[in-house]
C-alpha atoms as a PDB file:
ATOM      1  CA  MET A   1      -0.119  -0.251   0.048  1.00  0.00           C
ATOM      2  CA  ARG A   2       1.364   3.569  -0.876  1.00  0.00           C
ATOM      3  CA  ASP A   3       1.603   5.872   2.011  1.00  0.00           C
ATOM      4  CA  PRO A   4      -1.770   6.690   3.353  1.00  0.00           C
ATOM      5  CA  ARG A   5      -0.636  10.443   4.008  1.00  0.00           C
ATOM      6  CA  ASP A   6       0.104  11.196   0.235  1.00  0.00           C
ATOM      7  CA  LEU A   7      -3.768  11.249   0.021  1.00  0.00           C
ATOM      8  CA  TYR A   8      -4.260  14.632   1.977  1.00  0.00           C
ATOM      9  CA  ARG A   9      -2.634  17.598   2.406  1.00  0.00           C
ATOM     10  CA  PHE A  10      -3.092  20.660   5.301  1.00  0.00           C
ATOM     11  CA  GLU A  11      -4.645  23.651   3.829  1.00  0.00           C
ATOM     12  CA  SER A  12      -2.831  26.366   6.298  1.00  0.00           C
ATOM     13  CA  ALA A  13      -0.210  25.993   8.863  1.00  0.00           C
ATOM     14  CA  ASP A  14      -1.571  28.930  10.813  1.00  0.00           C
ATOM     15  CA  VAL A  15      -5.201  27.285  11.294  1.00  0.00           C
ATOM     16  CA  LEU A  16      -3.472  24.013  12.077  1.00  0.00           C
ATOM     17  CA  ALA A  17      -1.676  25.328  14.889  1.00  0.00           C
ATOM     18  CA  ALA A  18      -4.910  26.799  16.080  1.00  0.00           C
ATOM     19  CA  VAL A  19      -6.895  23.496  16.458  1.00  0.00           C
ATOM     20  CA  PRO A  20      -7.261  22.328  19.967  1.00  0.00           C
ATOM     21  CA  ARG A  21      -6.230  18.881  20.692  1.00  0.00           C
ATOM     22  CA  ASN A  22      -8.446  18.217  23.782  1.00  0.00           C
ATOM     23  CA  GLY A  23     -11.890  16.267  23.399  1.00  0.00           C
ATOM     24  CA  LEU A  24     -12.228  16.572  19.544  1.00  0.00           C
ATOM     25  CA  THR A  25     -15.294  14.998  17.920  1.00  0.00           C
ATOM     26  CA  LEU A  26     -15.096  13.936  14.158  1.00  0.00           C
ATOM     27  CA  VAL A  27     -18.194  13.805  12.509  1.00  0.00           C
ATOM     28  CA  THR A  28     -18.450  12.274   9.110  1.00  0.00           C
ATOM     29  CA  ALA A  29     -21.200  12.501   6.183  1.00  0.00           C
ATOM     30  CA  LEU A  30     -19.769  10.568   3.131  1.00  0.00           C
ATOM     31  CA  PRO A  31     -22.880   9.555   1.543  1.00  0.00           C
ATOM     32  CA  GLY A  32     -22.345   6.815  -0.882  1.00  0.00           C
ATOM     33  CA  LEU A  33     -24.628   4.238  -2.688  1.00  0.00           C
ATOM     34  CA  VAL A  34     -27.552   5.396  -0.813  1.00  0.00           C
ATOM     35  CA  ASP A  35     -28.330   8.753   0.483  1.00  0.00           C
ATOM     36  CA  ALA A  36     -32.243   8.505   1.235  1.00  0.00           C
ATOM     37  CA  GLY A  37     -33.912  11.973   1.495  1.00  0.00           C
ATOM     38  CA  ASN A  38     -30.391  13.404   0.802  1.00  0.00           C
ATOM     39  CA  ALA A  39     -30.376  13.548   4.540  1.00  0.00           C
ATOM     40  CA  CYS A  40     -26.632  13.232   4.675  1.00  0.00           C
ATOM     41  CA  ARG A  41     -25.820  16.093   2.047  1.00  0.00           C
ATOM     42  CA  ILE A  42     -28.389  18.299   3.503  1.00  0.00           C
ATOM     43  CA  ALA A  43     -27.175  17.927   7.217  1.00  0.00           C
ATOM     44  CA  ALA A  44     -23.465  18.711   6.198  1.00  0.00           C
ATOM     45  CA  THR A  45     -24.533  21.676   4.141  1.00  0.00           C
ATOM     46  CA  TYR A  46     -26.319  22.797   6.878  1.00  0.00           C
ATOM     47  CA  LEU A  47     -23.604  22.528   9.434  1.00  0.00           C
ATOM     48  CA  ARG A  48     -21.470  24.499   6.851  1.00  0.00           C
ATOM     49  CA  ASP A  49     -23.975  27.365   6.409  1.00  0.00           C
ATOM     50  CA  GLU A  50     -24.874  27.698   9.953  1.00  0.00           C
ATOM     51  CA  LEU A  51     -21.686  27.469  11.700  1.00  0.00           C
ATOM     52  CA  ARG A  52     -18.050  29.389  11.717  1.00  0.00           C
ATOM     53  CA  HIS A  53     -15.556  26.848   9.652  1.00  0.00           C
ATOM     54  CA  LEU A  54     -12.130  26.904   8.603  1.00  0.00           C
ATOM     55  CA  PRO A  55     -10.767  24.123   6.045  1.00  0.00           C
ATOM     56  CA  LEU A  56      -8.265  21.929   7.656  1.00  0.00           C
ATOM     57  CA  VAL A  57      -7.356  18.990   5.232  1.00  0.00           C
ATOM     58  CA  THR A  58      -8.473  18.431   1.332  1.00  0.00           C
ATOM     59  CA  PHE A  59      -7.969  14.694  -0.054  1.00  0.00           C
ATOM     60  CA  ASP A  60      -6.916  13.958  -3.604  1.00  0.00           C
ATOM     61  CA  ALA A  61      -9.980  13.532  -5.364  1.00  0.00           C
ATOM     62  CA  ASP A  62      -8.390  12.082  -8.345  1.00  0.00           C
ATOM     63  CA  GLU A  63      -7.240   9.137  -6.316  1.00  0.00           C
ATOM     64  CA  LEU A  64     -10.586   8.453  -4.714  1.00  0.00           C
ATOM     65  CA  LEU A  65     -13.373   9.250  -6.989  1.00  0.00           C
ATOM     66  CA  ASP A  66     -14.540   7.563 -10.181  1.00  0.00           C
ATOM     67  CA  PHE A  67     -15.466  10.487 -12.326  1.00  0.00           C
ATOM     68  CA  ARG A  68     -16.580   8.206 -15.487  1.00  0.00           C
ATOM     69  CA  GLY A  69     -18.636   6.249 -12.847  1.00  0.00           C
ATOM     70  CA  SER A  70     -20.251   9.196 -11.308  1.00  0.00           C
ATOM     71  CA  ARG A  71     -19.691  12.329 -13.481  1.00  0.00           C
ATOM     72  CA  PRO A  72     -19.162  15.435 -12.169  1.00  0.00           C
ATOM     73  CA  GLN A  73     -21.747  18.488 -13.077  1.00  0.00           C
ATOM     74  CA  ALA A  74     -21.017  21.036 -16.039  1.00  0.00           C
ATOM     75  CA  VAL A  75     -22.340  24.492 -16.631  1.00  0.00           C
ATOM     76  CA  PHE A  76     -22.677  25.300 -20.115  1.00  0.00           C
ATOM     77  CA  ASP A  77     -23.795  28.748 -20.907  1.00  0.00           C
ATOM     78  CA  GLY A  78     -25.202  28.196 -24.626  1.00  0.00           C
ATOM     79  CA  THR A  79     -21.438  28.957 -26.183  1.00  0.00           C
ATOM     80  CA  SER A  80     -19.180  27.621 -23.726  1.00  0.00           C
ATOM     81  CA  TYR A  81     -18.542  25.960 -20.479  1.00  0.00           C
ATOM     82  CA  THR A  82     -18.231  27.923 -17.503  1.00  0.00           C
ATOM     83  CA  ARG A  83     -17.348  25.607 -14.839  1.00  0.00           C
ATOM     84  CA  VAL A  84     -16.963  21.948 -13.993  1.00  0.00           C
ATOM     85  CA  GLU A  85     -18.299  21.084 -10.603  1.00  0.00           C
ATOM     86  CA  ILE A  86     -15.414  18.466  -9.248  1.00  0.00           C
ATOM     87  CA  PRO A  87     -16.637  16.945  -5.996  1.00  0.00           C
ATOM     88  CA  GLU A  88     -14.145  17.331  -3.210  1.00  0.00           C
ATOM     89  CA  VAL A  89     -13.450  15.398   0.085  1.00  0.00           C
ATOM     90  CA  THR A  90     -12.514  17.720   2.877  1.00  0.00           C
ATOM     91  CA  LEU A  91     -12.071  18.115   6.745  1.00  0.00           C
ATOM     92  CA  SER A  92     -12.842  21.087   8.342  1.00  0.00           C
ATOM     93  CA  LEU A  93     -12.700  22.644  11.626  1.00  0.00           C
ATOM     94  CA  LEU A  94     -16.092  24.168  12.649  1.00  0.00           C
ATOM     95  CA  TYR A  95     -17.305  25.638  16.058  1.00  0.00           C
ATOM     96  CA  ASP A  96     -20.816  25.154  17.445  1.00  0.00           C
ATOM     97  CA  GLU A  97     -23.054  27.571  19.172  1.00  0.00           C
ATOM     98  CA  SER A  98     -20.883  27.374  22.317  1.00  0.00           C
ATOM     99  CA  ASP A  99     -17.873  27.959  20.469  1.00  0.00           C
ATOM    100  CA  ARG A 100     -16.635  24.564  21.215  1.00  0.00           C
ATOM    101  CA  PRO A 101     -14.788  23.044  18.257  1.00  0.00           C
ATOM    102  CA  PHE A 102     -15.177  19.955  16.486  1.00  0.00           C
ATOM    103  CA  LEU A 103     -14.145  18.208  12.778  1.00  0.00           C
ATOM    104  CA  LEU A 104     -16.415  17.595  10.178  1.00  0.00           C
ATOM    105  CA  LEU A 105     -15.444  15.054   7.114  1.00  0.00           C
ATOM    106  CA  ASP A 106     -17.784  15.401   4.322  1.00  0.00           C
ATOM    107  CA  GLY A 107     -17.825  14.566   0.632  1.00  0.00           C
ATOM    108  CA  PRO A 108     -19.041  11.894  -1.918  1.00  0.00           C
ATOM    109  CA  GLU A 109     -18.074   8.238  -0.508  1.00  0.00           C
ATOM    110  CA  PRO A 110     -14.848   7.326  -2.168  1.00  0.00           C
ATOM    111  CA  ASP A 111     -15.180   4.736  -4.923  1.00  0.00           C
ATOM    112  CA  LEU A 112     -11.524   3.416  -4.671  1.00  0.00           C
ATOM    113  CA  GLN A 113      -8.510   2.908  -2.485  1.00  0.00           C
ATOM    114  CA  TRP A 114     -10.984   2.170   0.894  1.00  0.00           C
ATOM    115  CA  ASN A 115      -8.062   0.605   2.719  1.00  0.00           C
ATOM    116  CA  ARG A 116      -5.798   3.464   1.812  1.00  0.00           C
ATOM    117  CA  PHE A 117      -8.153   6.053   2.926  1.00  0.00           C
ATOM    118  CA  ALA A 118      -9.033   4.431   6.150  1.00  0.00           C
ATOM    119  CA  GLU A 119      -5.639   4.501   7.340  1.00  0.00           C
ATOM    120  CA  ALA A 120      -5.074   8.162   6.098  1.00  0.00           C
ATOM    121  CA  LEU A 121      -8.309   9.113   8.528  1.00  0.00           C
ATOM    122  CA  ILE A 122      -6.797   6.985  11.116  1.00  0.00           C
ATOM    123  CA  ASP A 123      -3.580   8.750  11.045  1.00  0.00           C
ATOM    124  CA  LEU A 124      -5.610  12.216  11.187  1.00  0.00           C
ATOM    125  CA  VAL A 125      -7.818  10.881  13.953  1.00  0.00           C
ATOM    126  CA  GLU A 126      -4.308  10.176  16.047  1.00  0.00           C
ATOM    127  CA  PHE A 127      -2.463  13.520  14.590  1.00  0.00           C
ATOM    128  CA  PHE A 128      -5.713  15.644  16.013  1.00  0.00           C
ATOM    129  CA  GLU A 129      -6.122  13.502  19.042  1.00  0.00           C
ATOM    130  CA  VAL A 130      -9.984  13.131  18.249  1.00  0.00           C
ATOM    131  CA  GLU A 131     -11.556  11.664  21.338  1.00  0.00           C
ATOM    132  CA  ARG A 132     -14.602  10.429  19.082  1.00  0.00           C
ATOM    133  CA  VAL A 133     -15.887   9.715  15.656  1.00  0.00           C
ATOM    134  CA  VAL A 134     -19.731  10.025  14.922  1.00  0.00           C
ATOM    135  CA  GLY A 135     -21.021   9.188  11.805  1.00  0.00           C
ATOM    136  CA  MET A 136     -24.170   9.599   9.578  1.00  0.00           C
ATOM    137  CA  GLN A 137     -26.179   7.476   6.967  1.00  0.00           C
ATOM    138  CA  ALA A 138     -29.772   7.562   5.595  1.00  0.00           C
ATOM    139  CA  VAL A 139     -31.324   4.627   4.263  1.00  0.00           C
ATOM    140  CA  PRO A 140     -34.709   3.724   2.870  1.00  0.00           C
ATOM    141  CA  MET A 141     -37.458   1.895   4.806  1.00  0.00           C
ATOM    142  CA  ALA A 142     -41.056   0.894   4.445  1.00  0.00           C
ATOM    143  CA  VAL A 143     -41.960   3.478   7.208  1.00  0.00           C
ATOM    144  CA  PRO A 144     -44.394   6.527   6.974  1.00  0.00           C
ATOM    145  CA  HIS A 145     -43.393  10.381   6.943  1.00  0.00           C
ATOM    146  CA  THR A 146     -45.992  10.921   9.399  1.00  0.00           C
ATOM    147  CA  ARG A 147     -44.431   9.119  12.157  1.00  0.00           C
ATOM    148  CA  PRO A 148     -41.256   9.598  14.116  1.00  0.00           C
ATOM    149  CA  ILE A 149     -38.036   9.085  12.323  1.00  0.00           C
ATOM    150  CA  GLY A 150     -36.465   6.061  13.347  1.00  0.00           C
ATOM    151  CA  LEU A 151     -32.541   5.766  13.527  1.00  0.00           C
ATOM    152  CA  PHE A 152     -30.410   2.600  13.556  1.00  0.00           C
ATOM    153  CA  THR A 153     -27.241   3.016  16.103  1.00  0.00           C
ATOM    154  CA  HIS A 154     -24.144   1.038  16.118  1.00  0.00           C
ATOM    155  CA  ALA A 155     -20.745   1.410  17.536  1.00  0.00           C
ATOM    156  CA  ASN A 156     -17.354  -0.302  17.764  1.00  0.00           C
ATOM    157  CA  ASP A 157     -17.900  -0.336  21.529  1.00  0.00           C
ATOM    158  CA  PRO A 158     -21.314  -1.514  22.813  1.00  0.00           C
ATOM    159  CA  ALA A 159     -20.953   1.256  25.864  1.00  0.00           C
ATOM    160  CA  LEU A 160     -21.315   3.901  23.449  1.00  0.00           C
ATOM    161  CA  LEU A 161     -24.643   2.723  22.535  1.00  0.00           C
ATOM    162  CA  GLY A 162     -26.205   3.395  25.925  1.00  0.00           C
ATOM    163  CA  ASP A 163     -30.243   3.407  26.164  1.00  0.00           C
ATOM    164  CA  PRO A 164     -31.086   3.124  22.391  1.00  0.00           C
ATOM    165  CA  GLY A 165     -34.303   4.729  22.968  1.00  0.00           C
ATOM    166  CA  ALA A 166     -37.681   4.026  24.660  1.00  0.00           C
ATOM    167  CA  ARG A 167     -39.143   2.148  21.681  1.00  0.00           C
ATOM    168  CA  ALA A 168     -37.341  -0.433  19.243  1.00  0.00           C
ATOM    169  CA  ILE A 169     -39.191  -0.534  15.730  1.00  0.00           C
ATOM    170  CA  PRO A 170     -38.344  -3.847  13.979  1.00  0.00           C
ATOM    171  CA  ALA A 171     -36.745  -3.324  10.350  1.00  0.00           C
ATOM    172  CA  PRO A 172     -38.734  -5.192   7.631  1.00  0.00           C
ATOM    173  CA  GLY A 173     -37.103  -8.423   7.008  1.00  0.00           C
ATOM    174  CA  THR A 174     -35.872  -8.839  10.491  1.00  0.00           C
ATOM    175  CA  ASP A 175     -37.085 -11.128  13.122  1.00  0.00           C
ATOM    176  CA  PRO A 176     -38.956  -9.227  15.914  1.00  0.00           C
ATOM    177  CA  SER A 177     -38.105 -11.953  18.627  1.00  0.00           C
ATOM    178  CA  GLY A 178     -34.545 -12.362  17.355  1.00  0.00           C
ATOM    179  CA  GLU A 179     -32.001 -12.594  19.974  1.00  0.00           C
ATOM    180  CA  GLU A 180     -29.146 -10.146  21.036  1.00  0.00           C
ATOM    181  CA  GLY A 181     -26.051 -10.857  18.753  1.00  0.00           C
ATOM    182  CA  THR A 182     -28.560 -11.631  15.722  1.00  0.00           C
ATOM    183  CA  GLU A 183     -26.649 -10.993  12.292  1.00  0.00           C
ATOM    184  CA  ILE A 184     -27.762  -9.522   9.118  1.00  0.00           C
ATOM    185  CA  VAL A 185     -25.855  -8.978   5.985  1.00  0.00           C
ATOM    186  CA  VAL A 186     -25.718  -5.730   3.871  1.00  0.00           C
ATOM    187  CA  PRO A 187     -23.794  -4.120   1.217  1.00  0.00           C
ATOM    188  CA  ALA A 188     -20.996  -2.153   3.012  1.00  0.00           C
ATOM    189  CA  SER A 189     -20.412   1.450   3.156  1.00  0.00           C
ATOM    190  CA  PHE A 190     -16.854   2.979   3.782  1.00  0.00           C
ATOM    191  CA  GLY A 191     -18.378   4.161   7.017  1.00  0.00           C
ATOM    192  CA  ALA A 192     -18.896   0.669   8.202  1.00  0.00           C
ATOM    193  CA  LEU A 193     -15.137  -0.040   7.332  1.00  0.00           C
ATOM    194  CA  LEU A 194     -13.822   3.010   8.943  1.00  0.00           C
ATOM    195  CA  GLU A 195     -16.020   2.129  12.307  1.00  0.00           C
ATOM    196  CA  LEU A 196     -14.466  -1.171  12.221  1.00  0.00           C
ATOM    197  CA  ARG A 197     -10.810  -0.056  11.245  1.00  0.00           C
ATOM    198  CA  LEU A 198     -11.293   2.496  14.393  1.00  0.00           C
ATOM    199  CA  GLY A 199     -12.071  -0.214  16.546  1.00  0.00           C
ATOM    200  CA  LYS A 200      -9.240  -2.209  15.918  1.00  0.00           C
ATOM    201  CA  ALA A 201      -6.987   0.844  16.467  1.00  0.00           C
ATOM    202  CA  ASP A 202      -8.817   1.906  19.922  1.00  0.00           C
ATOM    203  CA  HIS A 203     -10.720   4.722  18.651  1.00  0.00           C
ATOM    204  CA  PRO A 204     -14.109   4.964  19.726  1.00  0.00           C
ATOM    205  CA  ALA A 205     -16.557   5.511  16.971  1.00  0.00           C
ATOM    206  CA  MET A 206     -20.221   5.295  16.627  1.00  0.00           C
ATOM    207  CA  GLY A 207     -23.162   6.119  14.134  1.00  0.00           C
ATOM    208  CA  TYR A 208     -26.629   6.706  13.058  1.00  0.00           C
ATOM    209  CA  ALA A 209     -28.765   5.480  10.158  1.00  0.00           C
ATOM    210  CA  ALA A 210     -31.962   7.539   9.768  1.00  0.00           C
ATOM    211  CA  GLN A 211     -34.883   5.630   8.435  1.00  0.00           C
ATOM    212  CA  ILE A 212     -36.044   7.369   5.627  1.00  0.00           C
ATOM    213  CA  PRO A 213     -39.677   6.738   3.957  1.00  0.00           C
ATOM    214  CA  HIS A 214     -38.738   4.626   0.643  1.00  0.00           C
ATOM    215  CA  TYR A 215     -41.262   7.051  -1.158  1.00  0.00           C
ATOM    216  CA  LEU A 216     -39.091   9.900  -0.583  1.00  0.00           C
ATOM    217  CA  THR A 217     -35.699   8.400  -1.421  1.00  0.00           C
ATOM    218  CA  ARG A 218     -34.885  10.615  -4.235  1.00  0.00           C
ATOM    219  CA  THR A 219     -36.497  13.846  -2.603  1.00  0.00           C
ATOM    220  CA  ASP A 220     -35.058  16.458  -0.049  1.00  0.00           C
ATOM    221  CA  PHE A 221     -36.252  15.082   3.149  1.00  0.00           C
ATOM    222  CA  PRO A 222     -34.848  17.591   5.493  1.00  0.00           C
ATOM    223  CA  ALA A 223     -36.453  15.816   8.586  1.00  0.00           C
ATOM    224  CA  GLY A 224     -34.057  13.238   8.167  1.00  0.00           C
ATOM    225  CA  ALA A 225     -31.102  15.454   8.405  1.00  0.00           C
ATOM    226  CA  LEU A 226     -32.550  17.131  11.297  1.00  0.00           C
ATOM    227  CA  ALA A 227     -32.751  13.494  13.054  1.00  0.00           C
ATOM    228  CA  LEU A 228     -29.394  12.946  12.498  1.00  0.00           C
ATOM    229  CA  LEU A 229     -28.077  16.070  13.775  1.00  0.00           C
ATOM    230  CA  ARG A 230     -30.030  15.742  17.038  1.00  0.00           C
ATOM    231  CA  ARG A 231     -28.677  12.400  17.638  1.00  0.00           C
ATOM    232  CA  VAL A 232     -25.062  13.568  16.580  1.00  0.00           C
ATOM    233  CA  SER A 233     -25.506  16.942  19.357  1.00  0.00           C
ATOM    234  CA  GLU A 234     -26.229  14.379  21.791  1.00  0.00           C
ATOM    235  CA  ALA A 235     -23.529  11.870  21.195  1.00  0.00           C
ATOM    236  CA  ALA A 236     -20.917  14.571  20.771  1.00  0.00           C
ATOM    237  CA  GLY A 237     -22.145  17.230  23.485  1.00  0.00           C
ATOM    238  CA  LEU A 238     -22.458  19.715  20.958  1.00  0.00           C
ATOM    239  CA  ASP A 239     -24.587  22.889  20.958  1.00  0.00           C
ATOM    240  CA  LEU A 240     -25.938  22.890  17.379  1.00  0.00           C
ATOM    241  CA  PRO A 241     -28.549  25.226  15.961  1.00  0.00           C
ATOM    242  CA  LEU A 242     -31.276  23.146  15.057  1.00  0.00           C
ATOM    243  CA  VAL A 243     -34.045  25.606  14.754  1.00  0.00           C
ATOM    244  CA  ASN A 244     -33.843  26.837  11.187  1.00  0.00           C
ATOM    245  CA  LEU A 245     -33.503  23.493  10.169  1.00  0.00           C
ATOM    246  CA  GLY A 246     -36.768  22.334  11.859  1.00  0.00           C
ATOM    247  CA  ASP A 247     -38.305  25.515  10.115  1.00  0.00           C
ATOM    248  CA  LEU A 248     -37.075  23.855   6.622  1.00  0.00           C
ATOM    249  CA  THR A 249     -38.571  20.474   7.805  1.00  0.00           C
ATOM    250  CA  ASP A 250     -41.838  21.751   8.306  1.00  0.00           C
ATOM    251  CA  ALA A 251     -42.036  23.960   5.104  1.00  0.00           C
ATOM    252  CA  ALA A 252     -41.093  20.841   3.372  1.00  0.00           C
ATOM    253  CA  THR A 253     -43.872  18.757   5.392  1.00  0.00           C
ATOM    254  CA  THR A 254     -46.224  21.116   4.242  1.00  0.00           C
ATOM    255  CA  ALA A 255     -45.316  20.904   0.530  1.00  0.00           C
ATOM    256  CA  LEU A 256     -45.342  17.343   0.698  1.00  0.00           C
ATOM    257  CA  GLU A 257     -48.864  16.828   2.345  1.00  0.00           C
ATOM    258  CA  GLY A 258     -50.230  19.225  -0.412  1.00  0.00           C
ATOM    259  CA  THR A 259     -48.552  16.684  -2.946  1.00  0.00           C
ATOM    260  CA  LEU A 260     -50.032  13.736  -1.408  1.00  0.00           C
ATOM    261  CA  ALA A 261     -53.355  15.306  -1.088  1.00  0.00           C
ATOM    262  CA  GLN A 262     -53.511  15.226  -4.946  1.00  0.00           C
ATOM    263  CA  ASN A 263     -52.344  11.740  -5.015  1.00  0.00           C
ATOM    264  CA  ALA A 264     -54.673   8.803  -3.947  1.00  0.00           C
ATOM    265  CA  GLU A 265     -52.493   6.131  -4.915  1.00  0.00           C
ATOM    266  CA  VAL A 266     -49.695   7.322  -2.524  1.00  0.00           C
ATOM    267  CA  ARG A 267     -52.042   8.315   0.401  1.00  0.00           C
ATOM    268  CA  GLN A 268     -53.140   4.692   0.431  1.00  0.00           C
ATOM    269  CA  ILE A 269     -49.661   3.441   0.777  1.00  0.00           C
ATOM    270  CA  VAL A 270     -48.885   6.156   3.587  1.00  0.00           C
ATOM    271  CA  ALA A 271     -52.064   4.815   5.460  1.00  0.00           C
ATOM    272  CA  ALA A 272     -50.958   1.113   4.918  1.00  0.00           C
ATOM    273  CA  LEU A 273     -47.453   1.973   6.476  1.00  0.00           C
ATOM    274  CA  GLU A 274     -49.198   3.792   9.152  1.00  0.00           C
ATOM    275  CA  GLU A 275     -51.065   1.048  10.314  1.00  0.00           C
ATOM    276  CA  GLN A 276     -48.046  -1.197  10.233  1.00  0.00           C
ATOM    277  CA  TYR A 277     -45.956   1.011  12.155  1.00  0.00           C
ATOM    278  CA  ASP A 278     -48.445   1.609  14.741  1.00  0.00           C
ATOM    279  CA  SER A 279     -49.283  -2.213  15.214  1.00  0.00           C
ATOM    280  CA  LEU A 280     -45.536  -2.623  16.101  1.00  0.00           C
ATOM    281  CA  ALA A 281     -45.369   0.063  18.084  1.00  0.00           C
ATOM    282  CA  GLU A 282     -48.450  -0.815  19.967  1.00  0.00           C
ATOM    283  CA  ASN A 283     -47.334  -4.325  20.532  1.00  0.00           C
ATOM    284  CA  ASP A 284     -43.759  -3.091  21.601  1.00  0.00           C
ATOM    285  CA  GLU A 285     -41.767  -5.591  19.361  1.00  0.00           C
ATOM    286  CA  GLY A 286     -38.209  -5.445  20.181  1.00  0.00           C
ATOM    287  CA  SER A 287     -35.473  -5.645  17.520  1.00  0.00           C
ATOM    288  CA  PRO A 288     -32.274  -7.112  17.029  1.00  0.00           C
ATOM    289  CA  ILE A 289     -30.948  -3.818  15.783  1.00  0.00           C
ATOM    290  CA  ALA A 290     -30.464  -0.872  18.319  1.00  0.00           C
ATOM    291  CA  THR A 291     -32.971   1.817  17.206  1.00  0.00           C
ATOM    292  CA  THR A 292     -33.798   5.078  18.721  1.00  0.00           C
ATOM    293  CA  MET A 293     -36.637   7.265  18.004  1.00  0.00           C
ATOM    294  CA  ASP A 294     -36.327  10.701  16.809  1.00  0.00           C
ATOM    295  CA  LEU A 295     -38.259  13.500  19.205  1.00  0.00           C
ATOM    296  CA  PRO A 296     -37.796  17.357  19.385  1.00  0.00           C
ATOM    297  CA  THR A 297     -35.542  18.684  22.130  1.00  0.00           C
ATOM    298  CA  ALA A 298     -37.095  20.634  25.119  1.00  0.00           C
ATOM    299  CA  GLU A 299     -35.101  24.139  23.461  1.00  0.00           C
ATOM    300  CA  GLU A 300     -36.467  23.425  20.110  1.00  0.00           C
ATOM    301  CA  LEU A 301     -40.062  23.261  21.261  1.00  0.00           C
ATOM    302  CA  GLY A 302     -39.426  26.460  23.414  1.00  0.00           C
ATOM    303  CA  ASP A 303     -38.189  28.232  20.113  1.00  0.00           C
ATOM    304  CA  HIS A 304     -41.077  26.905  17.918  1.00  0.00           C
ATOM    305  CA  PHE A 305     -43.486  28.015  20.689  1.00  0.00           C
ATOM    306  CA  GLU A 306     -41.746  31.482  20.809  1.00  0.00           C
ATOM    307  CA  ARG A 307     -41.985  31.912  17.367  1.00  0.00           C
ATOM    308  CA  PHE A 308     -45.616  30.784  17.232  1.00  0.00           C
ATOM    309  CA  LEU A 309     -46.705  33.348  19.909  1.00  0.00           C
ATOM    310  CA  ALA A 310     -44.497  35.975  18.074  1.00  0.00           C
ATOM    311  CA  ASP A 311     -46.417  35.193  14.754  1.00  0.00           C
ATOM    312  CA  GLN A 312     -49.784  35.326  16.552  1.00  0.00           C
ATOM    313  CA  GLY A 313     -48.877  38.910  18.237  1.00  0.00           C
ATOM    314  CA  ASP A 314     -47.757  40.321  14.578  1.00  0.00           C
ATOM    315  CA  GLY A 315     -51.092  38.827  13.233  1.00  0.00           C
ATOM    316  CA  ASP A 316     -53.560  40.983  15.434  1.00  0.00           C
ATOM    317  CA  GLY A 317     -51.495  44.213  15.208  1.00  0.00           C
ATOM    318  CA  ASN A 318     -51.328  44.820  18.837  1.00  0.00           C
ATOM    319  CA  GLY A 319     -48.498  42.247  20.100  1.00  0.00           C
ATOM    320  CA  THR A 320     -50.877  40.224  21.944  1.00  0.00           C
ATOM    321  CA  ALA A 321     -51.834  36.849  20.733  1.00  0.00           C
ATOM    322  CA  ASP A 322     -55.660  36.452  19.362  1.00  0.00           C
ATOM    323  CA  ARG A 323     -57.762  34.895  21.792  1.00  0.00           C
END
């Protein structure tokens, strides 16, 4: 194997020197074969838009990505090409709302050199003295968008999982009565390989896979991104600003309901999924896969309530809510 360190370059010596080496969390968002609802992409983009960030490391895209298999987008203005958007895999330093630093690795999942890329990331984890790695994924599932989003949880150390949640919803195709240790075989992601390799190198790593309604797999579904970032915020002890993403989720849900109102066939599918979901929840059937349910935090509920009262006050013209 060629030297993994040749896969990346540091962007700035000054920024590098300023990176704290105490208690850093590395958040990874490398959507690959499936990014249902574009949840990982939305989550990573939202963090960059909302938080102060500085570039740390850029990886060699020519070594990692197959541009013929997944072609970059070219912009043509009618007479000439104005740009070709080559995707990047980058590591950035971000600061949360409480000015706590953390690292974000985002970009497309590598097509090539998984082993070498994993070794490069382990080298960086050790260089920056990362305390914990938290990954994000989004997978299509036979679940309705009208119910709380379930998230599969996984870790290279079971102690990282804690209490997976108040309720476990079995994944379709799994045995609800399966005993602990039940194995299933799924197509591998690079995140799975990285978590495994980090464990062998004695570095804690965990992740969440949001369960996105299968009929929304190819549609932007910000609720999936919101569910992922809530869990990342809790696992890493980060103060992430989620209210604006909640507003995007509400707007997308309203638009989705309007679309479904005009499609009787899809409404029937959603109703059947709701019945299945509620039946499983009512029977409280366990699952061999650790699952947590996404619910808004008290802070988010408070912020939304304050906004509601403010809107009501603006509506009656005298600063008080209608009665």
